[in-house]
Amino acid sequence: NGKRDIQEFNASKCHFTEAEAQVLIDHALHEAERGFPFTHQSLYEKGEEILKAKGTAQGTPFKPLGKQWSHNFLNRY
């Protein structure tokens, strides 16, 4: 009937695609390999960097991530 299913709707609300999420995961793993402890601030900064680049490429305004975003990201992935 032309409606989106719940999975498509929820995916449309995500800040990042699966590929972008994998970049964030790889970033955290790379930092750990270098001997740096995990910090939510580092993950947050990398996430905002990706969003700014994506917004510039698409010509959309940048909307910052929420205060608890890194905690939610870790719970999801």
N, C-alpha and C. Protein backbone atom coordinates (compact mmCIF):
# COMPACT_ATOMS: atom_id res chain seq x y z
N ASN A 1 0.81 -1.20 0.00
CA ASN A 1 0.00 0.00 0.00
C ASN A 1 0.85 1.26 0.00
N GLY A 2 2.14 1.13 -0.26
CA GLY A 2 3.00 2.30 -0.38
C GLY A 2 3.59 2.82 0.91
N LYS A 3 3.25 2.20 2.04
CA LYS A 3 3.79 2.65 3.32
C LYS A 3 5.12 1.97 3.60
N ARG A 4 5.97 2.66 4.36
CA ARG A 4 7.24 2.07 4.78
C ARG A 4 7.01 1.16 5.96
N ASP A 5 7.81 0.08 6.04
CA ASP A 5 7.69 -0.76 7.23
C ASP A 5 8.51 -0.14 8.36
N ILE A 6 8.38 -0.68 9.55
CA ILE A 6 8.98 -0.09 10.75
C ILE A 6 10.51 -0.07 10.67
N GLN A 7 11.12 -1.07 10.05
CA GLN A 7 12.57 -1.10 9.93
C GLN A 7 13.07 0.04 9.05
N GLU A 8 12.39 0.29 7.96
CA GLU A 8 12.77 1.40 7.08
C GLU A 8 12.60 2.74 7.78
N PHE A 9 11.51 2.88 8.53
CA PHE A 9 11.26 4.12 9.25
C PHE A 9 12.34 4.37 10.29
N ASN A 10 12.68 3.34 11.07
CA ASN A 10 13.71 3.50 12.09
C ASN A 10 15.07 3.77 11.47
N ALA A 11 15.37 3.13 10.35
CA ALA A 11 16.65 3.38 9.67
C ALA A 11 16.74 4.82 9.17
N SER A 12 15.61 5.40 8.79
CA SER A 12 15.63 6.78 8.30
C SER A 12 15.93 7.78 9.41
N LYS A 13 15.73 7.39 10.67
CA LYS A 13 16.00 8.28 11.80
C LYS A 13 17.44 8.23 12.26
N CYS A 14 18.22 7.26 11.79
CA CYS A 14 19.61 7.10 12.22
C CYS A 14 20.47 8.22 11.64
N HIS A 15 21.44 8.64 12.43
CA HIS A 15 22.38 9.66 11.96
C HIS A 15 23.32 9.11 10.90
N PHE A 16 23.68 7.83 11.03
CA PHE A 16 24.73 7.25 10.20
C PHE A 16 24.24 6.02 9.45
N THR A 17 24.79 5.82 8.26
CA THR A 17 24.55 4.59 7.53
C THR A 17 25.37 3.48 8.19
N GLU A 18 25.14 2.25 7.77
CA GLU A 18 25.92 1.14 8.33
C GLU A 18 27.41 1.31 8.02
N ALA A 19 27.74 1.81 6.84
CA ALA A 19 29.15 2.02 6.47
C ALA A 19 29.78 3.10 7.35
N GLU A 20 29.05 4.16 7.61
CA GLU A 20 29.56 5.23 8.47
C GLU A 20 29.72 4.75 9.91
N ALA A 21 28.78 3.93 10.37
CA ALA A 21 28.89 3.36 11.71
C ALA A 21 30.13 2.47 11.80
N GLN A 22 30.42 1.74 10.73
CA GLN A 22 31.61 0.90 10.73
C GLN A 22 32.88 1.75 10.80
N VAL A 23 32.88 2.91 10.18
CA VAL A 23 34.02 3.83 10.28
C VAL A 23 34.23 4.25 11.73
N LEU A 24 33.15 4.53 12.43
CA LEU A 24 33.24 4.92 13.84
C LEU A 24 33.76 3.77 14.70
N ILE A 25 33.30 2.57 14.43
CA ILE A 25 33.78 1.39 15.16
C ILE A 25 35.26 1.18 14.89
N ASP A 26 35.65 1.28 13.62
CA ASP A 26 37.07 1.12 13.26
C ASP A 26 37.93 2.18 13.92
N HIS A 27 37.40 3.39 14.03
CA HIS A 27 38.13 4.47 14.69
C HIS A 27 38.42 4.11 16.15
N ALA A 28 37.40 3.62 16.85
CA ALA A 28 37.58 3.24 18.25
C ALA A 28 38.57 2.09 18.39
N LEU A 29 38.51 1.13 17.48
CA LEU A 29 39.45 0.00 17.53
C LEU A 29 40.88 0.45 17.21
N HIS A 30 41.01 1.37 16.27
CA HIS A 30 42.34 1.89 15.92
C HIS A 30 42.95 2.64 17.10
N GLU A 31 42.14 3.44 17.76
CA GLU A 31 42.63 4.15 18.95
C GLU A 31 43.11 3.16 20.01
N ALA A 32 42.36 2.08 20.19
CA ALA A 32 42.74 1.07 21.18
C ALA A 32 44.05 0.38 20.80
N GLU A 33 44.22 0.11 19.51
CA GLU A 33 45.46 -0.52 19.04
C GLU A 33 46.66 0.38 19.29
N ARG A 34 46.44 1.67 19.26
CA ARG A 34 47.53 2.63 19.51
C ARG A 34 47.79 2.82 20.99
N GLY A 35 46.97 2.20 21.83
CA GLY A 35 47.18 2.27 23.27
C GLY A 35 46.42 3.37 23.98
N PHE A 36 45.52 4.05 23.24
CA PHE A 36 44.73 5.10 23.87
C PHE A 36 43.45 4.49 24.46
N PRO A 37 43.10 4.87 25.67
CA PRO A 37 41.86 4.34 26.24
C PRO A 37 40.65 4.92 25.51
N PHE A 38 39.57 4.17 25.50
CA PHE A 38 38.35 4.64 24.86
C PHE A 38 37.78 5.83 25.63
N THR A 39 37.36 6.84 24.88
CA THR A 39 36.64 7.97 25.50
C THR A 39 35.41 8.27 24.66
N HIS A 40 34.35 8.63 25.32
CA HIS A 40 33.13 9.01 24.62
C HIS A 40 33.37 10.29 23.82
N GLN A 41 34.23 11.16 24.32
CA GLN A 41 34.52 12.42 23.63
C GLN A 41 35.15 12.17 22.26
N SER A 42 36.08 11.23 22.20
CA SER A 42 36.74 10.91 20.93
C SER A 42 35.73 10.37 19.92
N LEU A 43 34.87 9.47 20.36
CA LEU A 43 33.85 8.90 19.48
C LEU A 43 32.88 9.99 19.03
N TYR A 44 32.49 10.86 19.94
CA TYR A 44 31.58 11.97 19.64
C TYR A 44 32.19 12.90 18.59
N GLU A 45 33.46 13.24 18.76
CA GLU A 45 34.13 14.15 17.82
C GLU A 45 34.23 13.53 16.43
N LYS A 46 34.54 12.24 16.37
CA LYS A 46 34.62 11.56 15.08
C LYS A 46 33.24 11.51 14.42
N GLY A 47 32.20 11.27 15.22
CA GLY A 47 30.85 11.26 14.69
C GLY A 47 30.44 12.61 14.12
N GLU A 48 30.76 13.65 14.83
CA GLU A 48 30.43 15.00 14.34
C GLU A 48 31.23 15.34 13.08
N GLU A 49 32.47 14.88 13.02
CA GLU A 49 33.29 15.10 11.84
C GLU A 49 32.63 14.46 10.61
N ILE A 50 32.15 13.25 10.77
CA ILE A 50 31.48 12.55 9.67
C ILE A 50 30.20 13.29 9.28
N LEU A 51 29.41 13.72 10.26
CA LEU A 51 28.17 14.43 9.95
C LEU A 51 28.42 15.76 9.24
N LYS A 52 29.45 16.47 9.66
CA LYS A 52 29.77 17.75 9.00
C LYS A 52 30.16 17.52 7.55
N ALA A 53 30.99 16.49 7.31
CA ALA A 53 31.40 16.18 5.95
C ALA A 53 30.20 15.76 5.09
N LYS A 54 29.33 14.95 5.67
CA LYS A 54 28.14 14.48 4.95
C LYS A 54 27.21 15.66 4.65
N GLY A 55 27.03 16.55 5.61
CA GLY A 55 26.17 17.72 5.40
C GLY A 55 26.71 18.64 4.33
N THR A 56 28.03 18.83 4.32
CA THR A 56 28.65 19.67 3.29
C THR A 56 28.47 19.06 1.91
N ALA A 57 28.67 17.75 1.80
CA ALA A 57 28.54 17.07 0.52
C ALA A 57 27.10 17.09 0.00
N GLN A 58 26.15 16.99 0.91
CA GLN A 58 24.74 16.96 0.51
C GLN A 58 24.09 18.34 0.49
N GLY A 59 24.80 19.32 1.00
CA GLY A 59 24.26 20.68 1.04
C GLY A 59 23.17 20.86 2.08
N THR A 60 23.24 20.06 3.15
CA THR A 60 22.25 20.16 4.23
C THR A 60 22.90 20.79 5.45
N PRO A 61 22.12 21.44 6.30
CA PRO A 61 22.69 22.05 7.50
C PRO A 61 23.16 20.99 8.49
N PHE A 62 24.17 21.33 9.24
CA PHE A 62 24.72 20.43 10.25
C PHE A 62 23.89 20.49 11.51
N LYS A 63 23.47 19.32 12.00
CA LYS A 63 22.72 19.24 13.25
C LYS A 63 23.59 18.43 14.22
N PRO A 64 24.03 19.02 15.33
CA PRO A 64 24.93 18.32 16.25
C PRO A 64 24.28 17.10 16.89
N LEU A 65 25.14 16.18 17.31
CA LEU A 65 24.69 14.98 18.00
C LEU A 65 24.24 15.34 19.42
N GLY A 66 23.41 14.51 20.01
CA GLY A 66 22.94 14.74 21.37
C GLY A 66 23.99 14.42 22.41
N LYS A 67 23.73 14.80 23.64
CA LYS A 67 24.70 14.62 24.72
C LYS A 67 24.96 13.16 25.02
N GLN A 68 23.97 12.30 24.90
CA GLN A 68 24.12 10.88 25.22
C GLN A 68 24.32 10.02 23.98
N TRP A 69 24.61 10.64 22.84
CA TRP A 69 24.71 9.91 21.59
C TRP A 69 25.74 8.78 21.66
N SER A 70 26.92 9.04 22.19
CA SER A 70 27.97 8.01 22.20
C SER A 70 27.55 6.81 23.04
N HIS A 71 26.85 7.03 24.12
CA HIS A 71 26.36 5.93 24.95
C HIS A 71 25.34 5.09 24.18
N ASN A 72 24.44 5.75 23.48
CA ASN A 72 23.44 5.04 22.68
C ASN A 72 24.10 4.28 21.53
N PHE A 73 25.10 4.88 20.93
CA PHE A 73 25.83 4.22 19.83
C PHE A 73 26.48 2.95 20.33
N LEU A 74 27.11 3.01 21.48
CA LEU A 74 27.76 1.83 22.04
C LEU A 74 26.75 0.74 22.37
N ASN A 75 25.60 1.11 22.89
CA ASN A 75 24.56 0.12 23.17
C ASN A 75 24.06 -0.55 21.90
N ARG A 76 24.00 0.21 20.82
CA ARG A 76 23.49 -0.35 19.56
C ARG A 76 24.51 -1.24 18.89
N TYR A 77 25.78 -0.84 18.92
CA TYR A 77 26.82 -1.59 18.20
C TYR A 77 27.73 -2.33 19.13
